[in-house]
Amino acid sequence: MRHSTSLETLHVEGAWVSIGTFDGVHCGHQHLIHHLVEGSRAVGAPSAVITFYPHPVTVLQRLTEPLILTNPQERAVLLGRLGVDEVITLTFTPELAAQSADLFVLELVESLGMKHLVVGPDFVLGRRRAGDLPALQRMGERYGFTVDVVEPIVEYLEVVSSSRIRKAMAEGNLVEANRMLRRMVSIPGVVVHGDGRGKGLGFPTANLALEPDRLLPANGVYAAWAWLDNEVHRAVVNIGLRPTFEYTPTQPRLEAHLLDYSGSLYGRRIRLEFDSRIRPEQRFPSKEALIAQIHQDITTAREVLIHVPQTPDLPA
């Protein structure tokens, strides 16, 4: 798989193409990409996926949300594992949003030699959303490509979507989010110095510096796997405001206590894979009550994290 950030330097012939944000590369995305890859391979053609960063909604509506489930590098890795040959992550800007659908499609024809476009039933592109399916089919007749529509995956009477996954994460429902992703919710970060409070309690924690636009699960305590390169450890992860110690509003923190691990983690990159939520965040009446609960959380995590993963879902 080749990951590019521009169409200008690409010279591909006869590509089968799909276009979308593909945040999370969830099971609905996977279904569409399997269709793309299998079809392209059947005729000996390359497959290409056009994706965007930052999220188009944040640019078009000048919002800080939705926060991302996956960054561009993670998406490229996941799409590559599905067999995609070319991943092109375009920077989504107001200028790109203002581009006409016809001009954008012509760029795909010129750069990728697009012969087949694979999209979902609600797909649109271009200025004023003019590039709907009938318009794309007319462009295909003009520029020499065909359009294939893949129906979405429906589970529990609802279409699987990145929005549904975000909602599940906001509710702390990692089982639901993981089911739709077909893997565990995954968050990378670099270990930075904290205030040492966890160590003072007897449970040293790795405080992670996170991507500012990364979506976190709801505040609470989680059972998770912590990957250090190719080494995996069971972990208890706390996300939240630490209400037992903090009495004024603060930014949520993510702290991971790696079970059966000793040694310094400062400066190391960790990827956390979240299995399930143990409990919501809560304030304890004393330090002793908090320590007792942490012991219980560790016991619960050991009971939950039975099947050790052989490889991380994504590189650390």
C-alpha atoms as a PDB file:
ATOM      1  CA  MET A   1       0.000   0.000   0.000  1.00  0.00           C
ATOM      2  CA  ARG A   2       1.218   3.480  -0.870  1.00  0.00           C
ATOM      3  CA  HIS A   3       0.024   6.442   1.202  1.00  0.00           C
ATOM      4  CA  SER A   4       0.035   9.817  -0.544  1.00  0.00           C
ATOM      5  CA  THR A   5      -1.191  13.274   0.389  1.00  0.00           C
ATOM      6  CA  SER A   6      -1.765  14.648  -3.105  1.00  0.00           C
ATOM      7  CA  LEU A   7      -3.191  13.577  -6.444  1.00  0.00           C
ATOM      8  CA  GLU A   8      -0.750  15.681  -8.425  1.00  0.00           C
ATOM      9  CA  THR A   9       2.184  13.258  -8.359  1.00  0.00           C
ATOM     10  CA  LEU A  10       0.163  10.098  -8.992  1.00  0.00           C
ATOM     11  CA  HIS A  11       0.036   8.393 -12.367  1.00  0.00           C
ATOM     12  CA  VAL A  12      -2.126   5.306 -11.978  1.00  0.00           C
ATOM     13  CA  GLU A  13      -3.957   3.552 -14.800  1.00  0.00           C
ATOM     14  CA  GLY A  14      -7.448   2.065 -14.696  1.00  0.00           C
ATOM     15  CA  ALA A  15      -8.057   2.377 -10.939  1.00  0.00           C
ATOM     16  CA  TRP A  16     -11.140   1.339  -9.057  1.00  0.00           C
ATOM     17  CA  VAL A  17     -11.774   4.203  -6.633  1.00  0.00           C
ATOM     18  CA  SER A  18     -13.756   4.930  -3.491  1.00  0.00           C
ATOM     19  CA  ILE A  19     -14.071   8.296  -1.750  1.00  0.00           C
ATOM     20  CA  GLY A  20     -14.988   9.156   1.837  1.00  0.00           C
ATOM     21  CA  THR A  21     -13.746  10.163   5.269  1.00  0.00           C
ATOM     22  CA  PHE A  22     -13.658   6.505   6.413  1.00  0.00           C
ATOM     23  CA  ASP A  23     -13.101   7.554  10.028  1.00  0.00           C
ATOM     24  CA  GLY A  24     -12.667   4.424  12.107  1.00  0.00           C
ATOM     25  CA  VAL A  25     -12.680   2.100   9.053  1.00  0.00           C
ATOM     26  CA  HIS A  26     -15.600   0.342  10.774  1.00  0.00           C
ATOM     27  CA  CYS A  27     -17.413  -2.768   9.533  1.00  0.00           C
ATOM     28  CA  GLY A  28     -19.565  -0.749   7.116  1.00  0.00           C
ATOM     29  CA  HIS A  29     -16.449   0.771   5.557  1.00  0.00           C
ATOM     30  CA  GLN A  30     -14.829  -2.654   5.493  1.00  0.00           C
ATOM     31  CA  HIS A  31     -17.811  -4.066   3.593  1.00  0.00           C
ATOM     32  CA  LEU A  32     -17.514  -1.375   0.923  1.00  0.00           C
ATOM     33  CA  ILE A  33     -13.713  -1.710   0.689  1.00  0.00           C
ATOM     34  CA  HIS A  34     -13.930  -5.503   0.314  1.00  0.00           C
ATOM     35  CA  HIS A  35     -16.246  -4.908  -2.653  1.00  0.00           C
ATOM     36  CA  LEU A  36     -13.756  -2.435  -4.112  1.00  0.00           C
ATOM     37  CA  VAL A  37     -10.701  -4.652  -3.651  1.00  0.00           C
ATOM     38  CA  GLU A  38     -12.303  -7.885  -4.797  1.00  0.00           C
ATOM     39  CA  GLY A  39     -13.728  -6.229  -7.892  1.00  0.00           C
ATOM     40  CA  SER A  40     -10.471  -4.523  -8.849  1.00  0.00           C
ATOM     41  CA  ARG A  41      -8.432  -7.679  -8.366  1.00  0.00           C
ATOM     42  CA  ALA A  42     -10.873  -9.691 -10.474  1.00  0.00           C
ATOM     43  CA  VAL A  43     -10.043  -7.509 -13.481  1.00  0.00           C
ATOM     44  CA  GLY A  44      -6.387  -6.894 -12.626  1.00  0.00           C
ATOM     45  CA  ALA A  45      -6.882  -3.215 -11.778  1.00  0.00           C
ATOM     46  CA  PRO A  46      -5.385  -1.196  -8.897  1.00  0.00           C
ATOM     47  CA  SER A  47      -7.613  -0.024  -6.051  1.00  0.00           C
ATOM     48  CA  ALA A  48      -7.473   3.496  -4.612  1.00  0.00           C
ATOM     49  CA  VAL A  49      -9.205   5.199  -1.695  1.00  0.00           C
ATOM     50  CA  ILE A  50      -9.495   8.970  -1.361  1.00  0.00           C
ATOM     51  CA  THR A  51      -9.944  10.139   2.213  1.00  0.00           C
ATOM     52  CA  PHE A  52      -9.834  13.507   3.968  1.00  0.00           C
ATOM     53  CA  TYR A  53      -8.328  15.172   7.031  1.00  0.00           C
ATOM     54  CA  PRO A  54      -9.401  17.122   8.995  1.00  0.00           C
ATOM     55  CA  HIS A  55     -12.984  15.896   9.133  1.00  0.00           C
ATOM     56  CA  PRO A  56     -14.968  17.830   6.477  1.00  0.00           C
ATOM     57  CA  VAL A  57     -17.713  18.778   8.952  1.00  0.00           C
ATOM     58  CA  THR A  58     -15.217  20.654  11.134  1.00  0.00           C
ATOM     59  CA  VAL A  59     -14.166  22.745   8.135  1.00  0.00           C
ATOM     60  CA  LEU A  60     -17.575  23.279   6.548  1.00  0.00           C
ATOM     61  CA  GLN A  61     -19.346  24.178   9.785  1.00  0.00           C
ATOM     62  CA  ARG A  62     -16.353  25.605  11.691  1.00  0.00           C
ATOM     63  CA  LEU A  63     -16.789  23.142  14.542  1.00  0.00           C
ATOM     64  CA  THR A  64     -14.345  21.447  16.879  1.00  0.00           C
ATOM     65  CA  GLU A  65     -16.298  18.187  16.604  1.00  0.00           C
ATOM     66  CA  PRO A  66     -16.706  15.453  15.553  1.00  0.00           C
ATOM     67  CA  LEU A  67     -13.463  14.298  17.124  1.00  0.00           C
ATOM     68  CA  ILE A  68     -11.647  11.594  15.189  1.00  0.00           C
ATOM     69  CA  LEU A  69     -11.673   7.845  15.770  1.00  0.00           C
ATOM     70  CA  THR A  70      -8.534   7.343  13.672  1.00  0.00           C
ATOM     71  CA  ASN A  71      -5.810   9.649  12.398  1.00  0.00           C
ATOM     72  CA  PRO A  72      -4.734   9.606   8.728  1.00  0.00           C
ATOM     73  CA  GLN A  73      -1.834   7.201   9.303  1.00  0.00           C
ATOM     74  CA  GLU A  74      -4.070   4.736  11.148  1.00  0.00           C
ATOM     75  CA  ARG A  75      -6.687   4.867   8.410  1.00  0.00           C
ATOM     76  CA  ALA A  76      -4.044   4.204   5.779  1.00  0.00           C
ATOM     77  CA  VAL A  77      -2.767   1.167   7.705  1.00  0.00           C
ATOM     78  CA  LEU A  78      -6.272  -0.240   8.143  1.00  0.00           C
ATOM     79  CA  LEU A  79      -7.178   0.339   4.499  1.00  0.00           C
ATOM     80  CA  GLY A  80      -3.886  -1.228   3.414  1.00  0.00           C
ATOM     81  CA  ARG A  81      -4.650  -4.320   5.467  1.00  0.00           C
ATOM     82  CA  LEU A  82      -7.922  -4.625   3.551  1.00  0.00           C
ATOM     83  CA  GLY A  83      -5.909  -4.806   0.336  1.00  0.00           C
ATOM     84  CA  VAL A  84      -6.135  -1.234  -0.958  1.00  0.00           C
ATOM     85  CA  ASP A  85      -3.201  -0.361  -3.224  1.00  0.00           C
ATOM     86  CA  GLU A  86      -3.325   3.445  -3.041  1.00  0.00           C
ATOM     87  CA  VAL A  87      -4.524   5.577  -0.121  1.00  0.00           C
ATOM     88  CA  ILE A  88      -4.640   9.313  -0.772  1.00  0.00           C
ATOM     89  CA  THR A  89      -5.334  11.544   2.240  1.00  0.00           C
ATOM     90  CA  LEU A  90      -6.278  15.010   1.023  1.00  0.00           C
ATOM     91  CA  THR A  91      -6.202  18.020   3.321  1.00  0.00           C
ATOM     92  CA  PHE A  92      -9.788  19.191   3.505  1.00  0.00           C
ATOM     93  CA  THR A  93      -9.873  22.975   3.126  1.00  0.00           C
ATOM     94  CA  PRO A  94     -12.534  25.558   2.235  1.00  0.00           C
ATOM     95  CA  GLU A  95     -10.938  25.695  -1.214  1.00  0.00           C
ATOM     96  CA  LEU A  96     -11.370  21.955  -1.707  1.00  0.00           C
ATOM     97  CA  ALA A  97     -14.957  22.196  -0.457  1.00  0.00           C
ATOM     98  CA  ALA A  98     -15.646  24.925  -3.022  1.00  0.00           C
ATOM     99  CA  GLN A  99     -14.350  22.830  -5.916  1.00  0.00           C
ATOM    100  CA  SER A 100     -16.976  21.631  -8.352  1.00  0.00           C
ATOM    101  CA  ALA A 101     -17.798  17.928  -8.464  1.00  0.00           C
ATOM    102  CA  ASP A 102     -16.988  17.832 -12.163  1.00  0.00           C
ATOM    103  CA  LEU A 103     -13.497  19.276 -11.669  1.00  0.00           C
ATOM    104  CA  PHE A 104     -12.698  16.931  -8.773  1.00  0.00           C
ATOM    105  CA  VAL A 105     -13.845  13.889 -10.734  1.00  0.00           C
ATOM    106  CA  LEU A 106     -11.775  14.992 -13.714  1.00  0.00           C
ATOM    107  CA  GLU A 107      -8.706  15.087 -11.436  1.00  0.00           C
ATOM    108  CA  LEU A 108      -9.393  11.498 -10.412  1.00  0.00           C
ATOM    109  CA  VAL A 109      -9.659  10.445 -14.036  1.00  0.00           C
ATOM    110  CA  GLU A 110      -6.394  12.181 -14.901  1.00  0.00           C
ATOM    111  CA  SER A 111      -4.385  11.077 -11.827  1.00  0.00           C
ATOM    112  CA  LEU A 112      -5.776   7.593 -11.244  1.00  0.00           C
ATOM    113  CA  GLY A 113      -7.184   6.695 -14.634  1.00  0.00           C
ATOM    114  CA  MET A 114     -10.442   6.030 -12.767  1.00  0.00           C
ATOM    115  CA  LYS A 115     -12.525   3.366 -14.476  1.00  0.00           C
ATOM    116  CA  HIS A 116     -14.889   2.412 -11.675  1.00  0.00           C
ATOM    117  CA  LEU A 117     -16.214   4.380  -8.676  1.00  0.00           C
ATOM    118  CA  VAL A 118     -17.529   2.487  -5.627  1.00  0.00           C
ATOM    119  CA  VAL A 119     -19.642   4.490  -3.156  1.00  0.00           C
ATOM    120  CA  GLY A 120     -22.503   4.229  -0.674  1.00  0.00           C
ATOM    121  CA  PRO A 121     -26.137   5.124  -1.525  1.00  0.00           C
ATOM    122  CA  ASP A 122     -26.010   8.569   0.141  1.00  0.00           C
ATOM    123  CA  PHE A 123     -22.704   9.645  -1.378  1.00  0.00           C
ATOM    124  CA  VAL A 124     -22.314  13.203  -2.678  1.00  0.00           C
ATOM    125  CA  LEU A 125     -19.304  15.392  -3.397  1.00  0.00           C
ATOM    126  CA  GLY A 126     -18.382  18.834  -4.634  1.00  0.00           C
ATOM    127  CA  ARG A 127     -19.647  22.369  -4.215  1.00  0.00           C
ATOM    128  CA  ARG A 128     -23.277  22.564  -3.081  1.00  0.00           C
ATOM    129  CA  ARG A 129     -23.282  18.736  -2.961  1.00  0.00           C
ATOM    130  CA  ALA A 130     -23.871  18.733  -6.693  1.00  0.00           C
ATOM    131  CA  GLY A 131     -22.065  15.440  -7.259  1.00  0.00           C
ATOM    132  CA  ASP A 132     -24.898  13.088  -6.320  1.00  0.00           C
ATOM    133  CA  LEU A 133     -25.300   9.622  -7.834  1.00  0.00           C
ATOM    134  CA  PRO A 134     -27.226  10.655 -10.995  1.00  0.00           C
ATOM    135  CA  ALA A 135     -24.662  13.415 -11.639  1.00  0.00           C
ATOM    136  CA  LEU A 136     -21.761  11.011 -11.129  1.00  0.00           C
ATOM    137  CA  GLN A 137     -23.310   8.519 -13.527  1.00  0.00           C
ATOM    138  CA  ARG A 138     -23.590  11.249 -16.160  1.00  0.00           C
ATOM    139  CA  MET A 139     -19.937  12.183 -15.559  1.00  0.00           C
ATOM    140  CA  GLY A 140     -19.021   8.523 -15.921  1.00  0.00           C
ATOM    141  CA  GLU A 141     -20.583   8.427 -19.375  1.00  0.00           C
ATOM    142  CA  ARG A 142     -18.588  11.532 -20.288  1.00  0.00           C
ATOM    143  CA  TYR A 143     -15.218  10.507 -18.805  1.00  0.00           C
ATOM    144  CA  GLY A 144     -15.332   6.744 -19.214  1.00  0.00           C
ATOM    145  CA  PHE A 145     -15.994   5.254 -15.783  1.00  0.00           C
ATOM    146  CA  THR A 146     -18.850   3.338 -14.167  1.00  0.00           C
ATOM    147  CA  VAL A 147     -20.448   3.833 -10.744  1.00  0.00           C
ATOM    148  CA  ASP A 148     -21.268   1.028  -8.317  1.00  0.00           C
ATOM    149  CA  VAL A 149     -23.387   1.568  -5.185  1.00  0.00           C
ATOM    150  CA  VAL A 150     -22.778  -0.652  -2.146  1.00  0.00           C
ATOM    151  CA  GLU A 151     -25.519  -0.823   0.466  1.00  0.00           C
ATOM    152  CA  PRO A 152     -24.512  -0.113   4.076  1.00  0.00           C
ATOM    153  CA  ILE A 153     -24.293  -2.627   6.908  1.00  0.00           C
ATOM    154  CA  VAL A 154     -27.386  -2.570   9.148  1.00  0.00           C
ATOM    155  CA  GLU A 155     -27.219  -3.935  12.701  1.00  0.00           C
ATOM    156  CA  TYR A 156     -30.061  -3.733  15.230  1.00  0.00           C
ATOM    157  CA  LEU A 157     -32.170  -1.867  12.640  1.00  0.00           C
ATOM    158  CA  GLU A 158     -29.627   0.955  12.333  1.00  0.00           C
ATOM    159  CA  VAL A 159     -26.937   1.653   9.748  1.00  0.00           C
ATOM    160  CA  VAL A 160     -23.443   1.213  11.182  1.00  0.00           C
ATOM    161  CA  SER A 161     -21.740   4.598  11.108  1.00  0.00           C
ATOM    162  CA  SER A 162     -18.898   6.554  12.691  1.00  0.00           C
ATOM    163  CA  SER A 163     -21.575   8.631  14.454  1.00  0.00           C
ATOM    164  CA  ARG A 164     -23.015   5.523  16.111  1.00  0.00           C
ATOM    165  CA  ILE A 165     -19.541   4.527  17.284  1.00  0.00           C
ATOM    166  CA  ARG A 166     -18.945   7.995  18.723  1.00  0.00           C
ATOM    167  CA  LYS A 167     -22.259   7.788  20.561  1.00  0.00           C
ATOM    168  CA  ALA A 168     -21.383   4.378  22.004  1.00  0.00           C
ATOM    169  CA  MET A 169     -18.007   5.689  23.167  1.00  0.00           C
ATOM    170  CA  ALA A 170     -19.649   8.759  24.728  1.00  0.00           C
ATOM    171  CA  GLU A 171     -21.824   6.373  26.738  1.00  0.00           C
ATOM    172  CA  GLY A 172     -18.833   4.258  27.767  1.00  0.00           C
ATOM    173  CA  ASN A 173     -20.233   1.316  25.797  1.00  0.00           C
ATOM    174  CA  LEU A 174     -16.976  -0.100  24.471  1.00  0.00           C
ATOM    175  CA  VAL A 175     -18.520  -3.494  23.751  1.00  0.00           C
ATOM    176  CA  GLU A 176     -20.889  -1.843  21.252  1.00  0.00           C
ATOM    177  CA  ALA A 177     -18.175   0.369  19.756  1.00  0.00           C
ATOM    178  CA  ASN A 178     -15.767  -2.553  19.392  1.00  0.00           C
ATOM    179  CA  ARG A 179     -18.457  -4.671  17.738  1.00  0.00           C
ATOM    180  CA  MET A 180     -19.050  -2.054  15.050  1.00  0.00           C
ATOM    181  CA  LEU A 181     -15.325  -1.495  14.536  1.00  0.00           C
ATOM    182  CA  ARG A 182     -14.631  -5.259  14.454  1.00  0.00           C
ATOM    183  CA  ARG A 183     -11.619  -4.483  16.653  1.00  0.00           C
ATOM    184  CA  MET A 184     -10.967  -2.644  19.909  1.00  0.00           C
ATOM    185  CA  VAL A 185     -11.175   1.125  20.281  1.00  0.00           C
ATOM    186  CA  SER A 186      -7.550   2.151  20.106  1.00  0.00           C
ATOM    187  CA  ILE A 187      -5.801   5.279  21.391  1.00  0.00           C
ATOM    188  CA  PRO A 188      -2.084   6.056  21.020  1.00  0.00           C
ATOM    189  CA  GLY A 189      -0.055   8.507  23.055  1.00  0.00           C
ATOM    190  CA  VAL A 190       3.364   9.386  24.422  1.00  0.00           C
ATOM    191  CA  VAL A 191       3.998   8.971  28.143  1.00  0.00           C
ATOM    192  CA  VAL A 192       4.667  12.315  29.832  1.00  0.00           C
ATOM    193  CA  HIS A 193       5.330  13.345  33.421  1.00  0.00           C
ATOM    194  CA  GLY A 194       2.281  13.733  35.632  1.00  0.00           C
ATOM    195  CA  ASP A 195       2.028  14.784  39.264  1.00  0.00           C
ATOM    196  CA  GLY A 196       3.051  11.371  40.619  1.00  0.00           C
ATOM    197  CA  ARG A 197      -0.216  10.882  42.487  1.00  0.00           C
ATOM    198  CA  GLY A 198      -0.730   7.335  41.206  1.00  0.00           C
ATOM    199  CA  LYS A 199       2.744   6.312  42.333  1.00  0.00           C
ATOM    200  CA  GLY A 200       2.055   7.856  45.729  1.00  0.00           C
ATOM    201  CA  LEU A 201      -0.994   5.604  46.053  1.00  0.00           C
ATOM    202  CA  GLY A 202       1.070   2.548  45.148  1.00  0.00           C
ATOM    203  CA  PHE A 203      -0.213   2.314  41.551  1.00  0.00           C
ATOM    204  CA  PRO A 204       2.173   4.148  39.198  1.00  0.00           C
ATOM    205  CA  THR A 205       0.413   5.360  36.071  1.00  0.00           C
ATOM    206  CA  ALA A 206       1.495   6.312  32.583  1.00  0.00           C
ATOM    207  CA  ASN A 207       0.035   9.714  31.730  1.00  0.00           C
ATOM    208  CA  LEU A 208      -0.518   9.945  27.976  1.00  0.00           C
ATOM    209  CA  ALA A 209      -0.194  13.069  25.865  1.00  0.00           C
ATOM    210  CA  LEU A 210      -2.949  12.672  23.288  1.00  0.00           C
ATOM    211  CA  GLU A 211      -3.819  14.043  19.890  1.00  0.00           C
ATOM    212  CA  PRO A 212      -5.986  17.121  20.514  1.00  0.00           C
ATOM    213  CA  ASP A 213      -8.731  16.011  18.131  1.00  0.00           C
ATOM    214  CA  ARG A 214      -8.882  12.377  19.297  1.00  0.00           C
ATOM    215  CA  LEU A 215     -12.187  11.148  20.712  1.00  0.00           C
ATOM    216  CA  LEU A 216     -11.903   9.549  24.156  1.00  0.00           C
ATOM    217  CA  PRO A 217     -14.399   7.153  25.703  1.00  0.00           C
ATOM    218  CA  ALA A 218     -16.632   8.503  28.468  1.00  0.00           C
ATOM    219  CA  ASN A 219     -15.001   9.290  31.782  1.00  0.00           C
ATOM    220  CA  GLY A 220     -14.512   6.140  33.792  1.00  0.00           C
ATOM    221  CA  VAL A 221     -12.268   3.171  34.504  1.00  0.00           C
ATOM    222  CA  TYR A 222     -11.541   0.641  31.758  1.00  0.00           C
ATOM    223  CA  ALA A 223      -9.900  -2.723  31.221  1.00  0.00           C
ATOM    224  CA  ALA A 224      -7.448  -2.363  28.354  1.00  0.00           C
ATOM    225  CA  TRP A 225      -4.390  -3.788  26.674  1.00  0.00           C
ATOM    226  CA  ALA A 226      -1.284  -1.603  26.577  1.00  0.00           C
ATOM    227  CA  TRP A 227       1.132  -2.173  23.693  1.00  0.00           C
ATOM    228  CA  LEU A 228       4.775  -1.134  23.970  1.00  0.00           C
ATOM    229  CA  ASP A 229       6.164  -1.910  20.521  1.00  0.00           C
ATOM    230  CA  ASN A 230       5.380  -5.645  20.243  1.00  0.00           C
ATOM    231  CA  GLU A 231       5.045  -6.174  23.995  1.00  0.00           C
ATOM    232  CA  VAL A 232       1.564  -6.283  25.524  1.00  0.00           C
ATOM    233  CA  HIS A 233       0.419  -5.743  29.117  1.00  0.00           C
ATOM    234  CA  ARG A 234      -2.922  -5.806  30.872  1.00  0.00           C
ATOM    235  CA  ALA A 235      -3.891  -2.360  32.094  1.00  0.00           C
ATOM    236  CA  VAL A 236      -6.425  -0.438  34.128  1.00  0.00           C
ATOM    237  CA  VAL A 237      -7.086   2.927  32.487  1.00  0.00           C
ATOM    238  CA  ASN A 238      -8.698   5.959  34.090  1.00  0.00           C
ATOM    239  CA  ILE A 239     -10.172   8.686  31.919  1.00  0.00           C
ATOM    240  CA  GLY A 240     -11.511  11.742  33.622  1.00  0.00           C
ATOM    241  CA  LEU A 241     -11.114  14.599  36.059  1.00  0.00           C
ATOM    242  CA  ARG A 242      -9.941  12.696  39.163  1.00  0.00           C
ATOM    243  CA  PRO A 243     -12.756  14.036  41.376  1.00  0.00           C
ATOM    244  CA  THR A 244     -11.268  12.618  44.581  1.00  0.00           C
ATOM    245  CA  PHE A 245      -8.379  15.082  44.255  1.00  0.00           C
ATOM    246  CA  GLU A 246      -9.517  17.801  41.851  1.00  0.00           C
ATOM    247  CA  TYR A 247     -12.137  20.259  43.042  1.00  0.00           C
ATOM    248  CA  THR A 248     -11.951  22.695  40.157  1.00  0.00           C
ATOM    249  CA  PRO A 249     -12.720  21.877  36.498  1.00  0.00           C
ATOM    250  CA  THR A 250      -9.733  20.452  34.611  1.00  0.00           C
ATOM    251  CA  GLN A 251      -9.124  18.868  31.233  1.00  0.00           C
ATOM    252  CA  PRO A 252      -9.808  15.120  31.180  1.00  0.00           C
ATOM    253  CA  ARG A 253      -6.691  13.019  31.644  1.00  0.00           C
ATOM    254  CA  LEU A 254      -5.875   9.524  30.504  1.00  0.00           C
ATOM    255  CA  GLU A 255      -3.779   7.498  32.939  1.00  0.00           C
ATOM    256  CA  ALA A 256      -2.892   3.832  32.492  1.00  0.00           C
ATOM    257  CA  HIS A 257      -1.658   1.509  35.211  1.00  0.00           C
ATOM    258  CA  LEU A 258       0.134  -1.410  33.538  1.00  0.00           C
ATOM    259  CA  LEU A 259      -0.263  -4.611  35.528  1.00  0.00           C
ATOM    260  CA  ASP A 260       2.846  -6.638  36.306  1.00  0.00           C
ATOM    261  CA  TYR A 261       5.146  -4.018  34.794  1.00  0.00           C
ATOM    262  CA  SER A 262       8.078  -2.220  36.373  1.00  0.00           C
ATOM    263  CA  GLY A 263      10.385   0.361  34.871  1.00  0.00           C
ATOM    264  CA  SER A 264      10.255   3.846  33.449  1.00  0.00           C
ATOM    265  CA  LEU A 265       7.847   4.574  30.595  1.00  0.00           C
ATOM    266  CA  TYR A 266       8.583   8.291  30.149  1.00  0.00           C
ATOM    267  CA  GLY A 267       8.940   9.266  26.522  1.00  0.00           C
ATOM    268  CA  ARG A 268       7.722   5.916  25.244  1.00  0.00           C
ATOM    269  CA  ARG A 269       4.824   5.582  22.854  1.00  0.00           C
ATOM    270  CA  ILE A 270       1.958   3.392  24.041  1.00  0.00           C
ATOM    271  CA  ARG A 271      -1.145   2.229  22.236  1.00  0.00           C
ATOM    272  CA  LEU A 272      -4.112   1.343  24.406  1.00  0.00           C
ATOM    273  CA  GLU A 273      -6.765  -1.066  23.152  1.00  0.00           C
ATOM    274  CA  PHE A 274      -9.953  -0.805  25.220  1.00  0.00           C
ATOM    275  CA  ASP A 275     -11.823  -3.983  26.049  1.00  0.00           C
ATOM    276  CA  SER A 276     -14.628  -2.735  28.299  1.00  0.00           C
ATOM    277  CA  ARG A 277     -15.668  -0.247  30.956  1.00  0.00           C
ATOM    278  CA  ILE A 278     -15.274  -1.372  34.558  1.00  0.00           C
ATOM    279  CA  ARG A 279     -17.127   1.495  36.220  1.00  0.00           C
ATOM    280  CA  PRO A 280     -17.906   5.204  35.874  1.00  0.00           C
ATOM    281  CA  GLU A 281     -15.637   7.788  37.461  1.00  0.00           C
ATOM    282  CA  GLN A 282     -16.552   8.645  41.038  1.00  0.00           C
ATOM    283  CA  ARG A 283     -15.386  10.639  44.055  1.00  0.00           C
ATOM    284  CA  PHE A 284     -14.216   8.674  47.099  1.00  0.00           C
ATOM    285  CA  PRO A 285     -14.446   9.899  50.696  1.00  0.00           C
ATOM    286  CA  SER A 286     -10.820   9.078  51.463  1.00  0.00           C
ATOM    287  CA  LYS A 287      -7.537   7.966  49.973  1.00  0.00           C
ATOM    288  CA  GLU A 288      -7.989   4.574  51.647  1.00  0.00           C
ATOM    289  CA  ALA A 289     -11.379   4.061  49.982  1.00  0.00           C
ATOM    290  CA  LEU A 290      -9.859   4.915  46.595  1.00  0.00           C
ATOM    291  CA  ILE A 291      -6.983   2.446  47.111  1.00  0.00           C
ATOM    292  CA  ALA A 292      -9.437  -0.309  48.014  1.00  0.00           C
ATOM    293  CA  GLN A 293     -11.433   0.391  44.850  1.00  0.00           C
ATOM    294  CA  ILE A 294      -8.301   0.369  42.684  1.00  0.00           C
ATOM    295  CA  HIS A 295      -7.458  -3.101  44.035  1.00  0.00           C
ATOM    296  CA  GLN A 296     -10.964  -4.195  43.034  1.00  0.00           C
ATOM    297  CA  ASP A 297     -10.566  -2.598  39.576  1.00  0.00           C
ATOM    298  CA  ILE A 298      -7.329  -4.522  39.040  1.00  0.00           C
ATOM    299  CA  THR A 299      -9.016  -7.786  40.022  1.00  0.00           C
ATOM    300  CA  THR A 300     -11.848  -7.059  37.596  1.00  0.00           C
ATOM    301  CA  ALA A 301      -9.424  -6.218  34.789  1.00  0.00           C
ATOM    302  CA  ARG A 302      -7.562  -9.491  35.282  1.00  0.00           C
ATOM    303  CA  GLU A 303     -10.854 -11.386  35.072  1.00  0.00           C
ATOM    304  CA  VAL A 304     -11.879  -9.541  31.895  1.00  0.00           C
ATOM    305  CA  LEU A 305      -8.555  -9.587  30.065  1.00  0.00           C
ATOM    306  CA  ILE A 306      -8.185 -13.330  29.652  1.00  0.00           C
ATOM    307  CA  HIS A 307      -7.423 -13.810  25.968  1.00  0.00           C
ATOM    308  CA  VAL A 308      -4.074 -12.185  25.241  1.00  0.00           C
ATOM    309  CA  PRO A 309      -3.968 -10.569  21.770  1.00  0.00           C
ATOM    310  CA  GLN A 310      -1.140 -11.785  19.553  1.00  0.00           C
ATOM    311  CA  THR A 311      -0.628  -8.526  17.651  1.00  0.00           C
ATOM    312  CA  PRO A 312      -1.848  -4.949  18.104  1.00  0.00           C
ATOM    313  CA  ASP A 313      -4.761  -3.797  15.963  1.00  0.00           C
ATOM    314  CA  LEU A 314      -2.539  -0.879  14.899  1.00  0.00           C
ATOM    315  CA  PRO A 315       1.165  -0.101  15.299  1.00  0.00           C
ATOM    316  CA  ALA A 316       2.100   1.639  18.540  1.00  0.00           C
END
